């Protein structure tokens, strides 16, 4: 659930950065240095969560986990998600740099909603209340983020109204799955390390060693996540043919982006031709002359990308030809990526370094006081 660069207008982007600044300042206020290690660990979990997909029938659901972050970190969930989003954008290409603010408001705001729902458990008393409210928090964290995404799409333009409606309905299904995941995680933590949950009031009894918790979560991920997922990152490639230029849209996990809108434009982004991708994620455009072009693809729900096609790459194309599509018959250049271990390691190193710097600065401030 990331919005990509190039989708939103300038005022919406500015509002997103302003909202992120306000929420960031409010949620980081009076933070104790003892909170930093926990925040860093959960930021790391959120950072890699977007690489894991859970199969459901022929489709798959990609973890968001903003609800779990809210349940564990409380109001400190927002800075953890903001840090995770920055690293996802820079290292994985999820979303984009210009939309970090609005993505933080969307997902971090959902985490704060989840924390509010989680705190309501104190108003009632029944068996498994933590599991129930954890599940509700996980579900409503996703739903609230989906509603913000839909609202952002509506404010972007009338063309996105239908997309906004689809976003809400899609995330109604996702919220159920995410609620089950968060409920299971909360039930596990209640048994082995309840003090890790935000606002826990019961005394801790025989806590499990943190290494055991990490090992159990890693084992669960290995069992249920058979492949990496980069669903938020749309890629675009082009190939010069005799009768036109083949545009291919796909995801780095190897899946072609089928039946999505693609356009061929001049460098001023005046539309020359429009179409939709076939079963291989491709569409062939004829070109009127040899010059530079821009192609873009829009998979909706914030998944957008565009590339520049230099005239030099089109020297072998005959202008003005009627391009033949040959749907499903062209060889695809899609290649699946494995889990980017190197970039994951860099992300963890950055989180650890920032945590150490924050702790050192905090200690220095206490000594100075």
Protein backbone atom coordinates (compact mmCIF):
# COMPACT_ATOMS: atom_id res chain seq x y z
CA UNK A 1 0.00 0.00 0.00
CA UNK A 2 2.32 2.70 -1.30
CA UNK A 3 1.51 5.63 -3.56
CA UNK A 4 4.10 6.05 -6.31
CA UNK A 5 5.89 9.15 -7.57
CA UNK A 6 4.16 11.00 -10.40
CA UNK A 7 0.59 10.25 -9.30
CA UNK A 8 -0.27 13.10 -6.92
CA UNK A 9 -0.44 16.85 -7.46
CA UNK A 10 1.94 19.33 -5.83
CA UNK A 11 -0.56 20.62 -3.22
CA UNK A 12 -1.40 17.07 -2.10
CA UNK A 13 2.29 16.21 -1.79
CA UNK A 14 2.90 19.38 0.23
CA UNK A 15 -0.03 18.58 2.52
CA UNK A 16 1.40 15.10 3.04
CA UNK A 17 4.81 16.42 4.07
CA UNK A 18 3.19 18.97 6.39
CA UNK A 19 1.03 16.29 8.00
CA UNK A 20 4.02 13.99 8.40
CA UNK A 21 6.03 16.78 10.05
CA UNK A 22 3.24 17.51 12.54
CA UNK A 23 2.63 13.86 13.39
CA UNK A 24 6.36 13.16 13.59
CA UNK A 25 6.97 16.01 16.02
CA UNK A 26 3.98 15.07 18.16
CA UNK A 27 4.77 11.37 18.38
CA UNK A 28 8.50 11.79 19.06
CA UNK A 29 7.99 14.32 21.85
CA UNK A 30 9.56 13.36 25.20
CA UNK A 31 10.87 10.05 23.91
CA UNK A 32 13.00 8.15 26.44
CA UNK A 33 16.23 6.61 25.24
CA UNK A 34 15.01 3.28 26.65
CA UNK A 35 12.36 3.28 23.92
CA UNK A 36 14.86 3.55 21.06
CA UNK A 37 15.97 -0.13 20.81
CA UNK A 38 12.37 -1.35 20.69
CA UNK A 39 11.47 1.28 18.10
CA UNK A 40 14.47 0.26 15.98
CA UNK A 41 13.55 -3.44 16.07
CA UNK A 42 9.93 -2.79 15.04
CA UNK A 43 11.04 -0.34 12.34
CA UNK A 44 13.19 -3.16 10.95
CA UNK A 45 10.22 -5.55 10.97
CA UNK A 46 8.06 -3.02 9.11
CA UNK A 47 10.92 -2.32 6.68
CA UNK A 48 11.10 -5.96 5.50
CA UNK A 49 7.38 -6.75 5.80
CA UNK A 50 6.72 -5.48 2.28
CA UNK A 51 9.01 -8.22 0.92
CA UNK A 52 6.80 -11.01 2.24
CA UNK A 53 3.65 -12.28 0.56
CA UNK A 54 1.14 -14.80 1.80
CA UNK A 55 -0.60 -16.95 -0.82
CA UNK A 56 -4.41 -16.99 -0.80
CA UNK A 57 -5.65 -19.23 -3.58
CA UNK A 58 -4.29 -18.03 -6.91
CA UNK A 59 -3.58 -14.56 -5.53
CA UNK A 60 -1.38 -13.23 -2.74
CA UNK A 61 -1.60 -10.63 0.00
CA UNK A 62 1.33 -8.45 0.89
CA UNK A 63 1.88 -7.64 4.54
CA UNK A 64 1.43 -4.06 5.75
CA UNK A 65 1.66 -4.56 9.54
CA UNK A 66 0.99 -0.93 10.46
CA UNK A 67 -1.60 -2.23 12.94
CA UNK A 68 0.97 -4.47 14.64
CA UNK A 69 3.42 -1.56 14.81
CA UNK A 70 0.75 0.53 16.53
CA UNK A 71 -0.09 -2.22 19.02
CA UNK A 72 3.57 -2.68 19.98
CA UNK A 73 4.90 0.88 19.87
CA UNK A 74 1.86 2.99 20.65
CA UNK A 75 2.31 6.59 19.55
CA UNK A 76 5.95 5.85 18.71
CA UNK A 77 4.63 3.83 15.77
CA UNK A 78 4.66 6.88 13.51
CA UNK A 79 8.43 7.57 13.56
CA UNK A 80 9.11 3.83 13.13
CA UNK A 81 6.89 3.68 10.05
CA UNK A 82 8.35 6.91 8.68
CA UNK A 83 11.87 5.47 8.95
CA UNK A 84 10.74 2.21 7.34
CA UNK A 85 9.09 4.06 4.45
CA UNK A 86 12.21 6.13 3.78
CA UNK A 87 14.33 2.98 3.57
CA UNK A 88 11.74 1.15 1.43
CA UNK A 89 11.65 4.06 -1.03
CA UNK A 90 15.43 4.44 -1.25
CA UNK A 91 16.46 0.77 -1.21
CA UNK A 92 13.49 -1.07 -2.78
CA UNK A 93 11.88 1.63 -4.91
CA UNK A 94 8.54 1.19 -3.12
CA UNK A 95 6.47 4.33 -3.53
CA UNK A 96 8.96 7.14 -4.09
CA UNK A 97 10.83 9.91 -2.34
CA UNK A 98 8.35 12.70 -3.11
CA UNK A 99 5.43 10.72 -1.65
CA UNK A 100 7.10 9.64 1.61
CA UNK A 101 5.12 12.30 3.47
CA UNK A 102 1.69 11.22 2.25
CA UNK A 103 2.58 7.53 2.61
CA UNK A 104 3.67 8.20 6.20
CA UNK A 105 0.39 9.96 6.99
CA UNK A 106 -1.53 7.09 5.38
CA UNK A 107 0.26 4.15 7.02
CA UNK A 108 1.49 5.89 10.17
CA UNK A 109 -1.92 7.42 10.74
CA UNK A 110 -3.42 3.95 10.40
CA UNK A 111 -0.97 2.71 13.03
CA UNK A 112 -2.13 5.43 15.43
CA UNK A 113 -5.74 4.41 14.81
CA UNK A 114 -4.76 0.83 15.60
CA UNK A 115 -3.13 1.98 18.85
CA UNK A 116 -6.33 3.81 19.82
CA UNK A 117 -8.39 0.66 19.18
CA UNK A 118 -5.88 -1.42 21.16
CA UNK A 119 -6.20 0.90 24.17
CA UNK A 120 -9.96 0.31 24.29
CA UNK A 121 -9.32 -3.18 25.65
CA UNK A 122 -9.02 -1.66 29.13
CA UNK A 123 -12.74 -0.84 29.06
CA UNK A 124 -13.79 -4.50 29.07
CA UNK A 125 -12.74 -7.73 30.71
CA UNK A 126 -13.08 -11.15 29.12
CA UNK A 127 -10.87 -14.05 28.11
CA UNK A 128 -8.62 -13.42 25.12
CA UNK A 129 -9.49 -9.73 25.04
CA UNK A 130 -5.94 -8.86 23.97
CA UNK A 131 -6.18 -11.22 21.00
CA UNK A 132 -9.59 -9.81 20.01
CA UNK A 133 -8.55 -6.18 20.28
CA UNK A 134 -5.23 -6.94 18.60
CA UNK A 135 -7.11 -8.38 15.64
CA UNK A 136 -9.44 -5.38 15.52
CA UNK A 137 -6.48 -3.03 15.71
CA UNK A 138 -4.72 -4.81 12.84
CA UNK A 139 -7.85 -4.78 10.67
CA UNK A 140 -8.82 -1.16 11.34
CA UNK A 141 -5.23 0.01 10.90
CA UNK A 142 -5.34 -1.29 7.33
CA UNK A 143 -8.88 -0.04 6.67
CA UNK A 144 -8.11 3.48 7.90
CA UNK A 145 -4.98 3.60 5.74
CA UNK A 146 -7.05 2.41 2.77
CA UNK A 147 -9.60 5.17 3.41
CA UNK A 148 -6.84 7.79 3.47
CA UNK A 149 -5.50 6.38 0.20
CA UNK A 150 -8.99 6.59 -1.33
CA UNK A 151 -9.40 10.18 -0.10
CA UNK A 152 -6.05 11.15 -1.60
CA UNK A 153 -7.05 9.61 -4.92
CA UNK A 154 -10.36 11.51 -4.95
CA UNK A 155 -8.62 14.84 -4.28
CA UNK A 156 -6.15 14.14 -7.10
CA UNK A 157 -8.81 14.26 -9.82
CA UNK A 158 -12.15 12.96 -11.06
CA UNK A 159 -10.38 10.26 -13.05
CA UNK A 160 -9.37 8.59 -9.77
CA UNK A 161 -12.87 8.37 -8.22
CA UNK A 162 -13.45 4.85 -9.55
CA UNK A 163 -9.98 3.88 -8.35
CA UNK A 164 -10.77 5.24 -4.89
CA UNK A 165 -13.88 3.07 -4.64
CA UNK A 166 -11.90 0.01 -5.71
CA UNK A 167 -9.23 0.79 -3.10
CA UNK A 168 -11.74 0.73 -0.25
CA UNK A 169 -13.34 -2.55 -1.35
CA UNK A 170 -9.99 -4.26 -1.91
CA UNK A 171 -8.77 -3.31 1.55
CA UNK A 172 -11.93 -4.58 3.19
CA UNK A 173 -10.67 -8.03 2.20
CA UNK A 174 -7.06 -7.31 3.12
CA UNK A 175 -8.04 -6.03 6.57
CA UNK A 176 -9.50 -9.41 7.50
CA UNK A 177 -6.27 -11.21 6.68
CA UNK A 178 -4.13 -8.60 8.40
CA UNK A 179 -6.38 -8.75 11.46
CA UNK A 180 -5.78 -12.49 11.77
CA UNK A 181 -2.02 -12.01 11.44
CA UNK A 182 -1.91 -9.30 14.13
CA UNK A 183 -4.20 -11.29 16.43
CA UNK A 184 -1.86 -14.28 16.17
CA UNK A 185 1.19 -12.11 16.88
CA UNK A 186 -0.49 -10.50 19.89
CA UNK A 187 -1.53 -13.90 21.26
CA UNK A 188 2.07 -15.06 20.92
CA UNK A 189 3.50 -11.98 22.64
CA UNK A 190 0.97 -12.17 25.49
CA UNK A 191 2.34 -15.62 26.32
CA UNK A 192 6.07 -15.02 25.90
CA UNK A 193 6.76 -11.30 26.27
CA UNK A 194 3.67 -9.24 27.18
CA UNK A 195 5.69 -6.19 28.21
CA UNK A 196 6.51 -5.64 24.52
CA UNK A 197 2.89 -4.59 23.91
CA UNK A 198 2.02 -0.91 24.24
CA UNK A 199 0.42 0.05 27.55
CA UNK A 200 0.74 -3.41 29.11
CA UNK A 201 -0.33 -3.28 32.77
CA UNK A 202 0.16 -6.83 33.97
CA UNK A 203 3.38 -7.99 35.62
CA UNK A 204 5.71 -9.97 33.42
CA UNK A 205 6.09 -13.66 34.33
CA UNK A 206 9.02 -15.74 33.06
CA UNK A 207 9.57 -13.78 29.86
CA UNK A 208 11.01 -15.57 26.89
CA UNK A 209 14.43 -14.50 25.73
CA UNK A 210 14.21 -11.96 22.85
CA UNK A 211 16.25 -14.31 20.65
CA UNK A 212 13.53 -16.95 20.99
CA UNK A 213 10.91 -14.45 19.86
CA UNK A 214 12.95 -13.42 16.83
CA UNK A 215 13.59 -17.07 15.92
CA UNK A 216 9.88 -17.94 16.14
CA UNK A 217 8.84 -14.98 14.00
CA UNK A 218 11.54 -15.80 11.44
CA UNK A 219 10.38 -19.42 11.29
CA UNK A 220 6.80 -18.31 10.72
CA UNK A 221 7.90 -16.02 7.89
CA UNK A 222 9.91 -18.83 6.29
CA UNK A 223 6.95 -21.21 6.41
CA UNK A 224 4.31 -18.85 5.07
CA UNK A 225 6.25 -16.64 2.69
CA UNK A 226 7.42 -18.75 -0.25
CA UNK A 227 8.57 -15.89 -2.43
CA UNK A 228 9.65 -12.26 -2.21
CA UNK A 229 7.13 -9.63 -3.15
CA UNK A 230 7.69 -6.20 -4.62
CA UNK A 231 4.04 -5.59 -5.45
CA UNK A 232 4.24 -1.85 -4.90
CA UNK A 233 7.01 -1.34 -7.44
CA UNK A 234 5.83 -1.21 -11.05
CA UNK A 235 8.52 -1.55 -13.73
CA UNK A 236 8.45 -0.55 -17.39
CA UNK A 237 10.64 -1.66 -20.28
CA UNK A 238 10.62 -1.07 -24.04
CA UNK A 239 11.85 -2.93 -27.12
CA UNK A 240 12.19 -1.52 -30.65
CA UNK A 241 10.42 -3.65 -33.29
CA UNK A 242 10.14 -3.29 -37.06
CA UNK A 243 6.61 -1.89 -36.88
CA UNK A 244 6.67 -0.06 -33.54
CA UNK A 245 7.87 -0.08 -29.96
CA UNK A 246 6.86 -2.78 -27.49
CA UNK A 247 6.10 -1.46 -23.99
CA UNK A 248 6.18 -4.07 -21.21
CA UNK A 249 4.93 -3.42 -17.67
CA UNK A 250 5.72 -5.89 -14.90
CA UNK A 251 6.57 -6.36 -11.24
CA UNK A 252 10.02 -7.44 -10.03
CA UNK A 253 8.62 -10.73 -8.74
CA UNK A 254 8.20 -11.74 -12.40
CA UNK A 255 4.46 -11.18 -12.75
CA UNK A 256 3.38 -9.15 -15.81
CA UNK A 257 1.10 -6.18 -15.18
CA UNK A 258 -1.90 -7.30 -17.21
CA UNK A 259 -4.68 -5.08 -18.55
CA UNK A 260 -3.32 -1.78 -17.26
CA UNK A 261 -3.34 1.57 -19.04
CA UNK A 262 -0.24 2.51 -21.05
CA UNK A 263 0.44 5.62 -23.10
CA UNK A 264 2.96 6.88 -25.64
CA UNK A 265 3.67 10.62 -25.40
CA UNK A 266 6.07 13.19 -26.76
CA UNK A 267 8.62 14.76 -24.43
CA UNK A 268 6.09 17.46 -23.48
CA UNK A 269 3.85 14.59 -22.34
CA UNK A 270 1.24 15.26 -25.01
CA UNK A 271 -0.50 11.92 -25.56
CA UNK A 272 0.11 10.35 -28.97
CA UNK A 273 -1.54 6.97 -28.41
CA UNK A 274 -3.15 4.98 -25.60
CA UNK A 275 -3.72 1.28 -24.98
CA UNK A 276 -3.83 -1.51 -22.43
CA UNK A 277 -1.34 -4.29 -21.77
CA UNK A 278 -2.01 -7.87 -22.87
CA UNK A 279 -1.57 -11.15 -20.97
CA UNK A 280 2.22 -10.72 -21.15
CA UNK A 281 2.04 -7.18 -19.80
CA UNK A 282 2.91 -5.75 -23.23
CA UNK A 283 1.46 -3.34 -25.78
CA UNK A 284 2.90 -2.23 -29.14
CA UNK A 285 2.72 1.40 -30.25
CA UNK A 286 3.46 2.67 -33.75
CA UNK A 287 5.56 5.84 -33.90
CA UNK A 288 4.85 8.79 -36.23
CA UNK A 289 8.52 9.78 -36.59
CA UNK A 290 11.99 9.21 -35.19
CA UNK A 291 12.30 11.35 -32.04
CA UNK A 292 12.38 11.00 -28.27
CA UNK A 293 9.22 9.68 -26.61
CA UNK A 294 7.88 9.10 -23.11
CA UNK A 295 5.90 5.98 -22.17
CA UNK A 296 3.98 5.53 -18.95
CA UNK A 297 1.91 2.84 -17.24
CA UNK A 298 -0.76 3.20 -14.58
CA UNK A 299 -1.76 0.10 -12.59
CA UNK A 300 -4.02 2.25 -10.37
CA UNK A 301 -4.00 2.40 -6.57
CA UNK A 302 -0.85 4.53 -6.70
CA UNK A 303 1.21 2.21 -8.94
CA UNK A 304 2.56 4.43 -11.71
CA UNK A 305 5.78 4.65 -13.71
CA UNK A 306 7.11 6.37 -16.82
CA UNK A 307 10.27 6.01 -18.91
CA UNK A 308 11.96 8.07 -21.61
CA UNK A 309 12.60 6.36 -24.95
CA UNK A 310 15.53 8.00 -26.80
CA UNK A 311 15.27 8.40 -30.57
CA UNK A 312 18.57 6.53 -30.96
CA UNK A 313 16.91 3.36 -29.64
CA UNK A 314 14.19 3.57 -32.32
CA UNK A 315 16.43 3.84 -35.38
CA UNK A 316 15.32 0.45 -36.70
CA UNK A 317 11.59 1.18 -36.40
CA UNK A 318 9.65 2.17 -39.52
CA UNK A 319 7.49 5.21 -38.68
CA UNK A 320 3.82 5.30 -39.55
CA UNK A 321 3.32 1.52 -39.60
CA UNK A 322 0.23 -0.18 -38.18
CA UNK A 323 1.65 -2.03 -35.19
CA UNK A 324 0.58 -5.66 -34.78
CA UNK A 325 -0.03 -6.75 -31.20
CA UNK A 326 0.34 -10.54 -31.38
CA UNK A 327 -1.28 -10.79 -27.96
CA UNK A 328 0.32 -13.42 -25.79
CA UNK A 329 2.81 -14.36 -28.49
CA UNK A 330 5.75 -12.09 -27.85
CA UNK A 331 8.60 -13.30 -25.64
CA UNK A 332 8.54 -11.50 -22.31
CA UNK A 333 11.67 -9.92 -20.84
CA UNK A 334 10.34 -10.25 -17.32
CA UNK A 335 12.87 -11.73 -14.92
CA UNK A 336 12.06 -12.50 -11.31
CA UNK A 337 14.24 -10.99 -8.60
CA UNK A 338 15.22 -12.78 -5.45
CA UNK A 339 15.13 -11.21 -2.03
CA UNK A 340 17.58 -8.26 -2.15
CA UNK A 341 19.70 -9.47 0.76
CA UNK A 342 22.30 -6.74 0.30
CA UNK A 343 19.76 -3.93 0.43
CA UNK A 344 17.99 -5.52 3.39
CA UNK A 345 21.32 -5.64 5.23
CA UNK A 346 21.97 -1.99 4.41
CA UNK A 347 18.55 -1.06 5.75
CA UNK A 348 19.14 -2.90 9.02
CA UNK A 349 22.57 -1.27 9.32
CA UNK A 350 21.08 2.19 8.86
CA UNK A 351 18.41 1.52 11.50
CA UNK A 352 20.99 0.20 13.96
CA UNK A 353 23.31 3.16 13.34
CA UNK A 354 20.52 5.69 13.86
CA UNK A 355 19.48 3.93 17.07
CA UNK A 356 23.05 4.02 18.42
CA UNK A 357 23.42 7.70 17.56
CA UNK A 358 20.10 8.52 19.25
CA UNK A 359 21.08 6.62 22.40
CA UNK A 360 24.50 8.31 22.57
CA UNK A 361 23.00 11.76 22.08
CA UNK A 362 20.41 11.01 24.75
CA UNK A 363 23.05 9.94 27.25
CA UNK A 364 25.14 13.01 26.47
CA UNK A 365 22.11 15.22 27.07
CA UNK A 366 21.42 13.59 30.44
CA UNK A 367 25.03 14.04 31.53
CA UNK A 368 24.97 17.69 30.46
CA UNK A 369 21.79 18.25 32.48
